[in-house]
Amino acid sequence: QVQLVESGGGLVQPGGSLRLSCTASGSDSRFNVMAWHRQAPGKQREFVAQILRGAITSYAGSVKGRFTISGDSTKNAIYLQMNSLKPEDTAVYYCAAGRSSTLNYWGQGTQVTVSS
């Protein structure tokens, strides 16, 4: 059974940085795509960033230039380096993965709060 576990969330001041990690267990094969999504209070879940085949990255416009996604395919792990954080980045951040183009597996989420 595949499980995704996120870590690294917390409280940070505006302009600060956080690094999220996501590790997959229960899978012997590598994922084709791994991604980060987020959901703010009262809003729908939205795409943040993804990494395809361990190398091709894409970002939501709202985080481009501030967030960096990276991966370690040997560990089925991905990371999200978040810099210049803003209050509007406050959300629960979810890790997701899939063996095709569909994200079939989701983590439980980690809370990120940006506030002074």
C-alpha atoms as a PDB file:
ATOM      1  CA  GLN A   1       0.000   0.000   0.000  1.00  0.00           C
ATOM      2  CA  VAL A   2       1.483   3.315  -1.076  1.00  0.00           C
ATOM      3  CA  GLN A   3       1.755   6.006   1.578  1.00  0.00           C
ATOM      4  CA  LEU A   4       2.960   9.563   1.144  1.00  0.00           C
ATOM      5  CA  VAL A   5       4.156  11.406   4.224  1.00  0.00           C
ATOM      6  CA  GLU A   6       4.787  15.154   4.247  1.00  0.00           C
ATOM      7  CA  SER A   7       6.902  17.028   6.754  1.00  0.00           C
ATOM      8  CA  GLY A   8       8.478  20.430   7.233  1.00  0.00           C
ATOM      9  CA  GLY A   9       5.446  22.644   7.670  1.00  0.00           C
ATOM     10  CA  GLY A  10       5.164  25.238  10.400  1.00  0.00           C
ATOM     11  CA  LEU A  11       4.781  28.890  11.273  1.00  0.00           C
ATOM     12  CA  VAL A  12       7.021  31.409   9.518  1.00  0.00           C
ATOM     13  CA  GLN A  13       7.077  35.175   9.207  1.00  0.00           C
ATOM     14  CA  PRO A  14       6.412  36.891   5.883  1.00  0.00           C
ATOM     15  CA  GLY A  15       9.557  36.862   3.788  1.00  0.00           C
ATOM     16  CA  GLY A  16      10.810  33.705   5.465  1.00  0.00           C
ATOM     17  CA  SER A  17      11.532  30.260   4.088  1.00  0.00           C
ATOM     18  CA  LEU A  18      10.449  26.675   4.657  1.00  0.00           C
ATOM     19  CA  ARG A  19      11.377  23.372   3.060  1.00  0.00           C
ATOM     20  CA  LEU A  20       8.756  20.682   2.735  1.00  0.00           C
ATOM     21  CA  SER A  21       9.593  17.028   2.243  1.00  0.00           C
ATOM     22  CA  CYS A  22       7.494  14.151   0.976  1.00  0.00           C
ATOM     23  CA  THR A  23       8.548  10.533   1.147  1.00  0.00           C
ATOM     24  CA  ALA A  24       6.701   7.624  -0.445  1.00  0.00           C
ATOM     25  CA  SER A  25       6.654   4.152   1.034  1.00  0.00           C
ATOM     26  CA  GLY A  26       5.099   0.913  -0.141  1.00  0.00           C
ATOM     27  CA  SER A  27       6.152   1.304  -3.753  1.00  0.00           C
ATOM     28  CA  ASP A  28       8.956  -0.567  -5.459  1.00  0.00           C
ATOM     29  CA  SER A  29       8.662   1.394  -8.686  1.00  0.00           C
ATOM     30  CA  ARG A  30       9.338   5.041  -9.329  1.00  0.00           C
ATOM     31  CA  PHE A  31       6.521   7.459  -9.889  1.00  0.00           C
ATOM     32  CA  ASN A  32       6.142   9.179 -13.237  1.00  0.00           C
ATOM     33  CA  VAL A  33       4.900  12.378 -11.642  1.00  0.00           C
ATOM     34  CA  MET A  34       5.042  13.844  -8.154  1.00  0.00           C
ATOM     35  CA  ALA A  35       3.484  17.115  -7.176  1.00  0.00           C
ATOM     36  CA  TRP A  36       2.578  19.595  -4.471  1.00  0.00           C
ATOM     37  CA  HIS A  37      -0.887  21.046  -4.130  1.00  0.00           C
ATOM     38  CA  ARG A  38      -2.292  23.282  -1.403  1.00  0.00           C
ATOM     39  CA  GLN A  39      -5.623  24.191   0.093  1.00  0.00           C
ATOM     40  CA  ALA A  40      -6.250  27.429   1.946  1.00  0.00           C
ATOM     41  CA  PRO A  41      -9.184  27.831   4.347  1.00  0.00           C
ATOM     42  CA  GLY A  42     -12.431  28.244   2.428  1.00  0.00           C
ATOM     43  CA  LYS A  43     -10.771  27.645  -0.941  1.00  0.00           C
ATOM     44  CA  GLN A  44     -10.422  24.755  -3.343  1.00  0.00           C
ATOM     45  CA  ARG A  45      -7.259  22.720  -3.519  1.00  0.00           C
ATOM     46  CA  GLU A  46      -4.869  24.164  -6.098  1.00  0.00           C
ATOM     47  CA  PHE A  47      -1.775  23.084  -7.971  1.00  0.00           C
ATOM     48  CA  VAL A  48       1.558  24.413  -6.718  1.00  0.00           C
ATOM     49  CA  ALA A  49       4.333  22.531  -8.519  1.00  0.00           C
ATOM     50  CA  GLN A  50       5.150  19.201 -10.079  1.00  0.00           C
ATOM     51  CA  ILE A  51       8.144  17.217 -11.240  1.00  0.00           C
ATOM     52  CA  LEU A  52       7.778  14.839 -14.174  1.00  0.00           C
ATOM     53  CA  ARG A  53      10.052  11.834 -14.660  1.00  0.00           C
ATOM     54  CA  GLY A  54      12.350  13.238 -12.032  1.00  0.00           C
ATOM     55  CA  ALA A  55      13.453  16.207 -14.096  1.00  0.00           C
ATOM     56  CA  ILE A  56      10.771  18.302 -15.801  1.00  0.00           C
ATOM     57  CA  THR A  57       9.345  20.887 -13.440  1.00  0.00           C
ATOM     58  CA  SER A  58       6.369  23.216 -13.659  1.00  0.00           C
ATOM     59  CA  TYR A  59       4.894  25.787 -11.286  1.00  0.00           C
ATOM     60  CA  ALA A  60       1.770  27.751 -10.602  1.00  0.00           C
ATOM     61  CA  GLY A  61       2.188  31.383 -11.576  1.00  0.00           C
ATOM     62  CA  SER A  62       1.670  32.526  -7.999  1.00  0.00           C
ATOM     63  CA  VAL A  63       4.765  30.681  -6.748  1.00  0.00           C
ATOM     64  CA  LYS A  64       7.071  30.767  -9.758  1.00  0.00           C
ATOM     65  CA  GLY A  65      10.403  32.316  -8.866  1.00  0.00           C
ATOM     66  CA  ARG A  66       9.840  31.790  -5.141  1.00  0.00           C
ATOM     67  CA  PHE A  67       9.313  28.023  -4.823  1.00  0.00           C
ATOM     68  CA  THR A  68      11.547  25.258  -6.125  1.00  0.00           C
ATOM     69  CA  ILE A  69      10.525  21.626  -6.450  1.00  0.00           C
ATOM     70  CA  SER A  70      13.157  18.919  -6.514  1.00  0.00           C
ATOM     71  CA  GLY A  71      13.177  15.155  -6.331  1.00  0.00           C
ATOM     72  CA  ASP A  72      15.202  12.148  -5.345  1.00  0.00           C
ATOM     73  CA  SER A  73      13.948   9.315  -7.537  1.00  0.00           C
ATOM     74  CA  THR A  74      16.042   6.747  -5.685  1.00  0.00           C
ATOM     75  CA  LYS A  75      14.009   7.491  -2.566  1.00  0.00           C
ATOM     76  CA  ASN A  76      10.692   8.307  -4.253  1.00  0.00           C
ATOM     77  CA  ALA A  77      10.899  11.637  -2.471  1.00  0.00           C
ATOM     78  CA  ILE A  78      10.250  15.220  -3.423  1.00  0.00           C
ATOM     79  CA  TYR A  79      10.954  18.524  -1.747  1.00  0.00           C
ATOM     80  CA  LEU A  80       9.555  22.028  -1.969  1.00  0.00           C
ATOM     81  CA  GLN A  81      11.846  24.902  -1.092  1.00  0.00           C
ATOM     82  CA  MET A  82       9.649  27.907  -0.367  1.00  0.00           C
ATOM     83  CA  ASN A  83      11.275  31.330  -0.185  1.00  0.00           C
ATOM     84  CA  SER A  84       9.889  34.858   0.180  1.00  0.00           C
ATOM     85  CA  LEU A  85       6.763  33.448   1.762  1.00  0.00           C
ATOM     86  CA  LYS A  86       3.627  35.567   1.836  1.00  0.00           C
ATOM     87  CA  PRO A  87       0.532  35.393   4.046  1.00  0.00           C
ATOM     88  CA  GLU A  88      -1.419  34.168   1.024  1.00  0.00           C
ATOM     89  CA  ASP A  89       0.806  31.081   0.928  1.00  0.00           C
ATOM     90  CA  THR A  90      -0.865  29.939   4.150  1.00  0.00           C
ATOM     91  CA  ALA A  91      -2.478  26.573   3.447  1.00  0.00           C
ATOM     92  CA  VAL A  92      -2.300  22.859   4.002  1.00  0.00           C
ATOM     93  CA  TYR A  93       0.248  21.516   1.539  1.00  0.00           C
ATOM     94  CA  TYR A  94      -0.339  18.077   0.052  1.00  0.00           C
ATOM     95  CA  CYS A  95       2.066  15.770  -1.702  1.00  0.00           C
ATOM     96  CA  ALA A  96       0.710  13.648  -4.557  1.00  0.00           C
ATOM     97  CA  ALA A  97       2.114  11.017  -6.895  1.00  0.00           C
ATOM     98  CA  GLY A  98       1.162   8.917  -9.872  1.00  0.00           C
ATOM     99  CA  ARG A  99       2.643   6.291 -12.169  1.00  0.00           C
ATOM    100  CA  SER A 100       0.944   7.778 -15.237  1.00  0.00           C
ATOM    101  CA  SER A 101      -0.216  11.365 -15.695  1.00  0.00           C
ATOM    102  CA  THR A 102      -2.883  10.955 -13.019  1.00  0.00           C
ATOM    103  CA  LEU A 103      -2.155  11.687  -9.380  1.00  0.00           C
ATOM    104  CA  ASN A 104      -3.445   8.535  -7.699  1.00  0.00           C
ATOM    105  CA  TYR A 105      -1.851   8.877  -4.301  1.00  0.00           C
ATOM    106  CA  TRP A 106      -2.138  11.714  -1.805  1.00  0.00           C
ATOM    107  CA  GLY A 107      -0.590  12.475   1.547  1.00  0.00           C
ATOM    108  CA  GLN A 108      -2.377  13.774   4.624  1.00  0.00           C
ATOM    109  CA  GLY A 109      -0.938  17.258   4.297  1.00  0.00           C
ATOM    110  CA  THR A 110       1.250  19.566   6.340  1.00  0.00           C
ATOM    111  CA  GLN A 111       0.195  22.996   7.582  1.00  0.00           C
ATOM    112  CA  VAL A 112       2.115  26.069   6.480  1.00  0.00           C
ATOM    113  CA  THR A 113       1.216  29.339   8.190  1.00  0.00           C
ATOM    114  CA  VAL A 114       2.782  32.633   7.145  1.00  0.00           C
ATOM    115  CA  SER A 115       2.087  35.306   9.715  1.00  0.00           C
ATOM    116  CA  SER A 116       3.823  37.970  11.744  1.00  0.00           C
END
